Amino acid sequence: MTLSYTRTTNPSPVSPAEREQILANPGFGTHMTDHMVTATWRVDEGWTGAELAPYGDITISPAASVLHYAQEIFEGLKAYRHEDGSVWTFRPEKNGERLIASARRMALPELPVDDFVESLKVLVEADEAWVPAFGDGEKSLYLRPFMYGSAAFLGLRPSSEVKYSVIASPAASIFTGGPKPVTLWVAENFARAGAGGTGAAKCGGNYASALAGQIEGAQNGCDQAVFLDSATHTYVDELGGMNVFFVMKDGTLVTPELTGTILPGITRMSVLELAHEFDLTPVERKVEIAEWKDGVASGEILEVFACGTAAIITPIGELRWAGGGSAPSTAGESGGEVTRGLRERLLSMQQGRSEDTYGWMTRLV
């Protein structure tokens, strides 16, 4: 590791009573914990100034490169309380590796994986009281590491100064009453990313570009939008923030292959590795939107689901598009058998209710 942390405790933390009230109904991304991690990179110094500090506003120059050229990246993880009181997170080294890949694409400095994982440990150790109790549904502490260009300069070049930070927020399940199949809108007029662009990087611009499609979907009574490739508008890419999977009649578990326009999700990676537990053969290949429509109608596609850190696994039901729609692709109120099984397998491992036979969990506290 290259970073050594100084620690400044928040002199005015949230009171235990108020914190317990928040944890009873945290929502998602609404309440922040008492502390944050920060570090600074400068072109002539490298990474320095690692600190645990009270959570608070960031002071930034109006000329900072992030505000004008969108030079920023981020990650998302969850920390879970296990039955013995310890706190764990899921495959953080993979998030660290993806942060490096995103940094390379966005001309930002690389943060070593060991330093990335240590930054999570430093914050969670300080704010352990914010981690929801074991057995309290699907609640967790959501961790948000991020990095942005902070140098004040109105010119298009890589920022000579970069800030790294980690904040945390207690989170409930995004589902009320358990996961329900979502209805998707095929965003034919908008693309999330294009060939040679930033689709494989976890940067804010990819999410901003998905908003117009999501708005269009909401206007047509849908929960989310699914995006197609920008060149031909033929092949399925992903949702605005989740990867897509198809459970096929022939025993394969299919997901669109990584082409540079799709984010390589950590949950996606894990689902592919878990496929054998469900007697399924994982396949990464191009999937035409027509195959999705026709496959559901013919019965070749048995289940469709989306996956990501926030929702873990979400069953997908009806697919709608301009001038048409398909029958629900997932039977049952909580998804098909494979969808439910994969979701429980991942969640039980993350929560410490089942054995981690893959060595995927990392103890933070």
Protein backbone atom coordinates (compact mmCIF):
# COMPACT_ATOMS: atom_id res chain seq x y z
CA MET A 1 0.00 0.00 0.00
CA THR A 2 1.12 3.55 -0.72
CA LEU A 3 -1.31 5.47 1.53
CA SER A 4 -1.20 5.96 5.30
CA TYR A 5 -4.26 7.55 6.88
CA THR A 6 -4.56 10.30 9.45
CA ARG A 7 -7.83 10.22 11.37
CA THR A 8 -9.96 13.14 12.47
CA THR A 9 -13.10 12.13 14.34
CA ASN A 10 -16.34 13.98 13.65
CA PRO A 11 -16.94 16.24 16.69
CA SER A 12 -20.68 16.35 16.01
CA PRO A 13 -21.77 12.87 14.89
CA VAL A 14 -25.38 11.91 14.45
CA SER A 15 -26.79 10.93 17.84
CA PRO A 16 -27.36 7.20 18.53
CA ALA A 17 -31.11 7.80 18.77
CA GLU A 18 -31.27 9.62 15.43
CA ARG A 19 -29.03 7.01 13.80
CA GLU A 20 -31.30 4.18 14.96
CA GLN A 21 -34.29 6.07 13.59
CA ILE A 22 -32.54 6.38 10.22
CA LEU A 23 -31.52 2.70 10.20
CA ALA A 24 -35.12 1.69 10.80
CA ASN A 25 -36.05 3.20 7.43
CA PRO A 26 -32.89 4.27 5.56
CA GLY A 27 -34.18 4.33 1.99
CA PHE A 28 -31.36 4.33 -0.54
CA GLY A 29 -28.65 6.98 -0.82
CA THR A 30 -30.53 9.49 1.32
CA HIS A 31 -28.61 9.60 4.62
CA MET A 32 -24.81 9.76 4.90
CA THR A 33 -22.62 8.46 7.71
CA ASP A 34 -20.46 10.61 10.00
CA HIS A 35 -17.14 10.35 8.14
CA MET A 36 -15.54 10.26 4.71
CA VAL A 37 -12.19 9.20 3.30
CA THR A 38 -10.16 11.57 1.14
CA ALA A 39 -6.83 11.51 -0.68
CA THR A 40 -5.18 13.73 -3.28
CA TRP A 41 -3.06 12.92 -6.33
CA ARG A 42 -0.83 15.51 -7.99
CA VAL A 43 1.16 14.95 -11.12
CA ASP A 44 4.48 15.70 -9.40
CA GLU A 45 3.71 13.97 -6.09
CA GLY A 46 1.48 10.95 -6.68
CA TRP A 47 -1.03 9.97 -3.99
CA THR A 48 -0.74 11.86 -0.69
CA GLY A 49 -2.85 13.30 2.12
CA ALA A 50 -4.95 10.22 2.87
CA GLU A 51 -7.36 11.14 5.66
CA LEU A 52 -10.43 10.01 7.50
CA ALA A 53 -12.38 13.20 8.14
CA PRO A 54 -15.86 14.32 9.18
CA TYR A 55 -18.41 14.03 6.39
CA GLY A 56 -18.99 17.45 4.86
CA ASP A 57 -19.26 19.57 1.77
CA ILE A 58 -16.47 19.65 -0.79
CA THR A 59 -14.94 22.98 -1.78
CA ILE A 60 -14.09 23.05 -5.46
CA SER A 61 -12.99 25.69 -7.95
CA PRO A 62 -15.58 26.73 -10.55
CA ALA A 63 -12.82 26.01 -13.09
CA ALA A 64 -12.23 22.41 -11.88
CA SER A 65 -11.91 20.03 -14.81
CA VAL A 66 -14.64 17.70 -13.55
CA LEU A 67 -17.21 20.47 -13.98
CA HIS A 68 -16.27 21.18 -17.58
CA TYR A 69 -14.89 17.93 -19.00
CA ALA A 70 -16.60 15.27 -16.82
CA GLN A 71 -13.31 13.67 -15.77
CA GLU A 72 -14.64 11.45 -12.99
CA ILE A 73 -15.31 7.80 -12.10
CA PHE A 74 -16.92 5.92 -9.23
CA GLU A 75 -17.70 2.50 -7.75
CA GLY A 76 -20.45 0.99 -5.63
CA LEU A 77 -20.28 -1.78 -3.01
CA LYS A 78 -22.28 -2.96 -0.01
CA ALA A 79 -21.11 -3.86 3.48
CA TYR A 80 -23.13 -6.45 5.41
CA ARG A 81 -23.29 -7.28 9.10
CA HIS A 82 -22.84 -11.00 9.78
CA GLU A 83 -24.32 -12.89 12.70
CA ASP A 84 -21.15 -12.64 14.83
CA GLY A 85 -21.16 -8.84 14.48
CA SER A 86 -18.36 -8.66 11.92
CA VAL A 87 -18.77 -6.62 8.73
CA TRP A 88 -17.97 -7.93 5.26
CA THR A 89 -18.12 -6.83 1.64
CA PHE A 90 -18.36 -8.70 -1.66
CA ARG A 91 -15.36 -9.02 -4.02
CA PRO A 92 -13.94 -5.53 -3.35
CA GLU A 93 -10.72 -6.33 -5.20
CA LYS A 94 -12.78 -6.63 -8.39
CA ASN A 95 -14.23 -3.18 -7.81
CA GLY A 96 -10.68 -1.93 -7.27
CA GLU A 97 -9.56 -3.49 -10.55
CA ARG A 98 -12.53 -1.95 -12.35
CA LEU A 99 -11.73 1.46 -10.86
CA ILE A 100 -8.25 1.14 -12.37
CA ALA A 101 -9.71 0.23 -15.76
CA SER A 102 -12.09 3.20 -15.57
CA ALA A 103 -9.22 5.48 -14.55
CA ARG A 104 -7.19 4.42 -17.58
CA ARG A 105 -10.10 5.18 -19.90
CA MET A 106 -10.80 8.57 -18.33
CA ALA A 107 -7.12 9.65 -18.10
CA LEU A 108 -7.14 9.59 -14.30
CA PRO A 109 -4.41 8.20 -12.01
CA GLU A 110 -4.60 4.58 -10.90
CA LEU A 111 -5.24 3.83 -7.24
CA PRO A 112 -3.67 0.47 -6.26
CA VAL A 113 -6.20 -2.21 -5.35
CA ASP A 114 -4.73 -2.63 -1.85
CA ASP A 115 -5.20 1.07 -1.21
CA PHE A 116 -8.73 0.91 -2.55
CA VAL A 117 -9.69 -1.92 -0.18
CA GLU A 118 -7.95 -0.23 2.73
CA SER A 119 -9.95 2.96 2.14
CA LEU A 120 -13.14 0.94 2.59
CA LYS A 121 -11.84 -0.61 5.80
CA VAL A 122 -10.84 2.79 7.24
CA LEU A 123 -14.29 4.27 6.65
CA VAL A 124 -16.30 1.26 7.81
CA GLU A 125 -14.17 0.92 10.94
CA ALA A 126 -15.01 4.52 11.85
CA ASP A 127 -18.70 4.24 10.97
CA GLU A 128 -19.36 0.64 11.96
CA ALA A 129 -22.39 1.69 14.01
CA TRP A 130 -24.08 2.66 10.72
CA VAL A 131 -24.00 -0.92 9.40
CA PRO A 132 -27.51 -2.39 9.82
CA ALA A 133 -27.98 -5.37 12.12
CA PHE A 134 -27.74 -8.97 10.93
CA GLY A 135 -31.14 -10.34 10.03
CA ASP A 136 -32.68 -6.94 9.35
CA GLY A 137 -34.00 -7.85 5.91
CA GLU A 138 -31.73 -6.85 3.04
CA LYS A 139 -30.35 -3.72 4.66
CA SER A 140 -26.68 -2.89 4.17
CA LEU A 141 -24.21 -0.03 4.23
CA TYR A 142 -23.71 1.21 0.69
CA LEU A 143 -20.15 2.36 -0.05
CA ARG A 144 -19.44 4.91 -2.78
CA PRO A 145 -15.77 5.45 -3.73
CA PHE A 146 -15.23 8.14 -6.37
CA MET A 147 -12.47 10.09 -8.09
CA TYR A 148 -12.54 13.38 -9.98
CA GLY A 149 -10.31 15.93 -11.65
CA SER A 150 -9.98 18.94 -9.34
CA ALA A 151 -7.33 21.10 -11.04
CA ALA A 152 -8.57 24.59 -11.94
CA PHE A 153 -7.82 24.99 -15.62
CA LEU A 154 -10.08 25.75 -18.58
CA GLY A 155 -8.30 23.60 -21.11
CA LEU A 156 -8.86 20.09 -22.42
CA ARG A 157 -6.10 18.02 -20.85
CA PRO A 158 -5.85 15.43 -18.06
CA SER A 159 -6.23 17.08 -14.68
CA SER A 160 -2.94 17.68 -12.85
CA GLU A 161 -4.74 17.25 -9.52
CA VAL A 162 -7.24 14.53 -8.66
CA LYS A 163 -9.31 13.88 -5.55
CA TYR A 164 -10.33 10.43 -4.31
CA SER A 165 -13.00 9.94 -1.69
CA VAL A 166 -15.27 7.32 -0.13
CA ILE A 167 -18.63 8.08 1.45
CA ALA A 168 -21.22 5.69 2.85
CA SER A 169 -24.98 5.53 3.20
CA PRO A 170 -27.19 2.96 4.96
CA ALA A 171 -29.49 1.31 2.45
CA ALA A 172 -32.64 -0.74 2.52
CA SER A 173 -33.70 -3.08 -0.26
CA ILE A 174 -34.89 -1.12 -3.28
CA PHE A 175 -37.85 -3.51 -3.35
CA THR A 176 -40.87 -3.06 -1.09
CA GLY A 177 -42.25 -6.44 -0.15
CA GLY A 178 -39.63 -8.40 -2.08
CA PRO A 179 -38.43 -8.30 -5.69
CA LYS A 180 -41.11 -7.95 -8.33
CA PRO A 181 -40.69 -8.31 -12.11
CA VAL A 182 -39.96 -4.93 -13.69
CA THR A 183 -41.36 -3.70 -16.99
CA LEU A 184 -38.76 -2.48 -19.47
CA TRP A 185 -38.92 0.02 -22.30
CA VAL A 186 -36.75 -0.54 -25.39
CA ALA A 187 -34.97 2.79 -25.85
CA GLU A 188 -34.73 2.85 -29.63
CA ASN A 189 -34.08 6.60 -29.87
CA PHE A 190 -31.29 6.83 -27.30
CA ALA A 191 -27.99 4.99 -26.82
CA ARG A 192 -26.24 4.62 -23.48
CA ALA A 193 -22.77 4.40 -25.07
CA GLY A 194 -21.05 3.98 -28.43
CA ALA A 195 -18.15 1.99 -29.83
CA GLY A 196 -14.84 3.42 -28.70
CA GLY A 197 -16.59 5.50 -26.04
CA THR A 198 -16.81 5.15 -22.28
CA GLY A 199 -19.43 2.41 -21.97
CA ALA A 200 -17.08 0.02 -20.16
CA ALA A 201 -15.97 2.69 -17.67
CA LYS A 202 -18.00 3.43 -14.57
CA CYS A 203 -18.30 7.16 -15.11
CA GLY A 204 -21.20 9.50 -14.51
CA GLY A 205 -21.67 10.41 -18.15
CA ASN A 206 -22.88 6.91 -18.98
CA TYR A 207 -25.62 7.23 -16.40
CA ALA A 208 -26.57 10.75 -17.45
CA SER A 209 -26.92 9.54 -21.05
CA ALA A 210 -29.36 6.86 -19.85
CA LEU A 211 -31.73 9.30 -18.18
CA ALA A 212 -33.57 10.39 -21.35
CA GLY A 213 -34.37 6.76 -22.17
CA GLN A 214 -35.55 6.13 -18.63
CA ILE A 215 -37.81 9.19 -18.79
CA GLU A 216 -39.26 7.97 -22.08
CA GLY A 217 -39.83 4.57 -20.50
CA ALA A 218 -41.60 6.08 -17.50
CA GLN A 219 -43.84 8.03 -19.85
CA ASN A 220 -44.85 4.68 -21.32
CA GLY A 221 -45.55 3.05 -17.97
CA CYS A 222 -42.21 1.24 -17.60
CA ASP A 223 -39.88 0.91 -14.63
CA GLN A 224 -36.58 1.01 -16.52
CA ALA A 225 -35.19 1.25 -20.04
CA VAL A 226 -33.00 -1.24 -21.90
CA PHE A 227 -30.50 0.17 -24.39
CA LEU A 228 -29.36 -1.21 -27.75
CA ASP A 229 -26.06 -0.90 -29.58
CA SER A 230 -25.56 2.57 -31.04
CA ALA A 231 -24.45 1.39 -34.49
CA THR A 232 -27.33 -0.83 -35.61
CA HIS A 233 -29.92 -0.51 -32.82
CA THR A 234 -30.20 -4.28 -33.12
CA TYR A 235 -28.30 -5.81 -30.21
CA VAL A 236 -29.06 -5.63 -26.49
CA ASP A 237 -26.50 -3.74 -24.41
CA GLU A 238 -27.77 -3.24 -20.86
CA LEU A 239 -30.15 -1.26 -18.68
CA GLY A 240 -29.12 2.18 -17.46
CA GLY A 241 -27.38 0.61 -14.48
CA MET A 242 -27.75 -3.18 -14.70
CA ASN A 243 -26.63 -6.07 -16.91
CA VAL A 244 -29.13 -8.45 -18.54
CA PHE A 245 -29.35 -12.28 -18.47
CA PHE A 246 -31.51 -14.82 -20.32
CA VAL A 247 -32.30 -18.31 -19.03
CA MET A 248 -32.70 -20.39 -22.17
CA LYS A 249 -34.69 -23.56 -22.78
CA ASP A 250 -31.54 -25.33 -24.03
CA GLY A 251 -29.86 -25.01 -20.61
CA THR A 252 -27.68 -22.00 -21.34
CA LEU A 253 -27.47 -18.81 -19.33
CA VAL A 254 -26.88 -16.05 -21.87
CA THR A 255 -25.73 -12.47 -21.37
CA PRO A 256 -24.62 -9.90 -23.96
CA GLU A 257 -20.86 -10.12 -24.53
CA LEU A 258 -18.62 -7.28 -23.44
CA THR A 259 -18.01 -5.14 -26.50
CA GLY A 260 -16.67 -2.00 -24.86
CA THR A 261 -20.12 -0.43 -24.61
CA ILE A 262 -21.28 -2.56 -21.65
CA LEU A 263 -20.13 -2.15 -18.06
CA PRO A 264 -18.41 -5.33 -16.80
CA GLY A 265 -20.51 -5.74 -13.67
CA ILE A 266 -19.15 -7.52 -10.59
CA THR A 267 -22.54 -9.18 -10.07
CA ARG A 268 -22.59 -10.14 -13.77
CA MET A 269 -19.19 -11.78 -13.39
CA SER A 270 -20.35 -13.65 -10.31
CA VAL A 271 -23.57 -14.90 -11.91
CA LEU A 272 -21.57 -16.37 -14.79
CA GLU A 273 -19.39 -18.22 -12.27
CA LEU A 274 -22.42 -19.48 -10.33
CA ALA A 275 -24.21 -20.84 -13.41
CA HIS A 276 -22.85 -24.37 -12.91
CA GLU A 277 -24.57 -24.61 -9.51
CA PHE A 278 -27.88 -24.41 -11.40
CA ASP A 279 -26.84 -26.86 -14.14
CA LEU A 280 -26.62 -24.02 -16.64
CA THR A 281 -23.90 -23.33 -19.20
CA PRO A 282 -22.82 -19.66 -19.17
CA VAL A 283 -22.62 -18.06 -22.62
CA GLU A 284 -21.50 -14.53 -23.51
CA ARG A 285 -22.59 -13.53 -27.00
CA LYS A 286 -24.47 -10.88 -28.93
CA VAL A 287 -28.23 -10.95 -28.36
CA GLU A 288 -30.56 -9.31 -30.85
CA ILE A 289 -33.59 -7.53 -29.45
CA ALA A 290 -35.63 -9.58 -31.94
CA GLU A 291 -34.35 -12.77 -30.28
CA TRP A 292 -35.62 -11.49 -26.93
CA LYS A 293 -39.06 -10.67 -28.34
CA ASP A 294 -39.39 -13.91 -30.33
CA GLY A 295 -37.77 -16.10 -27.66
CA VAL A 296 -40.26 -15.12 -24.98
CA ALA A 297 -43.17 -15.72 -27.36
CA SER A 298 -41.87 -19.14 -28.46
CA GLY A 299 -40.78 -20.35 -25.03
CA GLU A 300 -37.08 -20.55 -25.98
CA ILE A 301 -36.42 -17.93 -23.32
CA LEU A 302 -37.67 -19.11 -19.94
CA GLU A 303 -36.60 -16.23 -17.70
CA VAL A 304 -35.02 -12.80 -18.04
CA PHE A 305 -33.37 -10.89 -15.22
CA ALA A 306 -31.10 -7.90 -14.60
CA CYS A 307 -28.30 -7.71 -12.07
CA GLY A 308 -26.22 -5.09 -10.30
CA THR A 309 -24.94 -4.09 -6.88
CA ALA A 310 -28.00 -2.15 -5.72
CA ALA A 311 -30.72 -4.64 -6.70
CA ILE A 312 -28.54 -7.80 -6.72
CA ILE A 313 -30.87 -9.63 -9.14
CA THR A 314 -34.12 -8.20 -10.50
CA PRO A 315 -36.65 -10.31 -12.45
CA ILE A 316 -37.73 -8.77 -15.75
CA GLY A 317 -41.34 -9.18 -16.82
CA GLU A 318 -42.93 -7.34 -19.71
CA LEU A 319 -40.93 -5.72 -22.53
CA ARG A 320 -42.47 -2.73 -24.31
CA TRP A 321 -41.43 -0.68 -27.33
CA ALA A 322 -42.94 1.93 -29.61
CA GLY A 323 -46.00 0.30 -31.12
CA GLY A 324 -45.82 -3.01 -29.30
CA GLY A 325 -45.05 -5.16 -26.30
CA SER A 326 -44.37 -8.73 -25.26
CA ALA A 327 -46.00 -11.04 -22.79
CA PRO A 328 -44.22 -11.24 -19.40
CA SER A 329 -40.96 -13.16 -19.72
CA THR A 330 -40.93 -14.24 -16.08
CA ALA A 331 -43.61 -16.26 -14.37
CA GLY A 332 -44.51 -15.63 -10.73
CA GLU A 333 -44.52 -12.54 -8.58
CA SER A 334 -40.84 -12.82 -7.58
CA GLY A 335 -39.32 -14.20 -10.77
CA GLY A 336 -38.61 -17.66 -12.11
CA GLU A 337 -36.87 -20.51 -10.33
CA VAL A 338 -33.37 -19.70 -11.60
CA THR A 339 -33.77 -15.97 -10.97
CA ARG A 340 -34.91 -16.59 -7.40
CA GLY A 341 -32.23 -19.20 -6.80
CA LEU A 342 -29.35 -17.05 -8.03
CA ARG A 343 -30.58 -14.08 -6.04
CA GLU A 344 -30.81 -16.07 -2.82
CA ARG A 345 -27.41 -17.69 -3.45
CA LEU A 346 -25.70 -14.31 -3.78
CA LEU A 347 -27.58 -12.60 -0.97
CA SER A 348 -27.12 -15.46 1.50
CA MET A 349 -23.36 -15.47 0.82
CA GLN A 350 -23.13 -11.69 1.20
CA GLN A 351 -25.08 -11.76 4.45
CA GLY A 352 -23.08 -14.69 5.83
CA ARG A 353 -26.05 -17.08 5.91
CA SER A 354 -24.34 -19.59 3.61
CA GLU A 355 -20.75 -20.70 3.15
CA ASP A 356 -18.48 -18.63 0.95
CA THR A 357 -16.96 -21.47 -1.04
CA TYR A 358 -15.44 -19.06 -3.59
CA GLY A 359 -13.48 -16.80 -1.24
CA TRP A 360 -15.42 -13.81 -2.48
CA MET A 361 -16.09 -12.10 0.85
CA THR A 362 -13.63 -9.70 2.49
CA ARG A 363 -13.86 -8.74 6.15
CA LEU A 364 -13.82 -4.98 6.74
CA VAL A 365 -14.29 -4.94 10.52
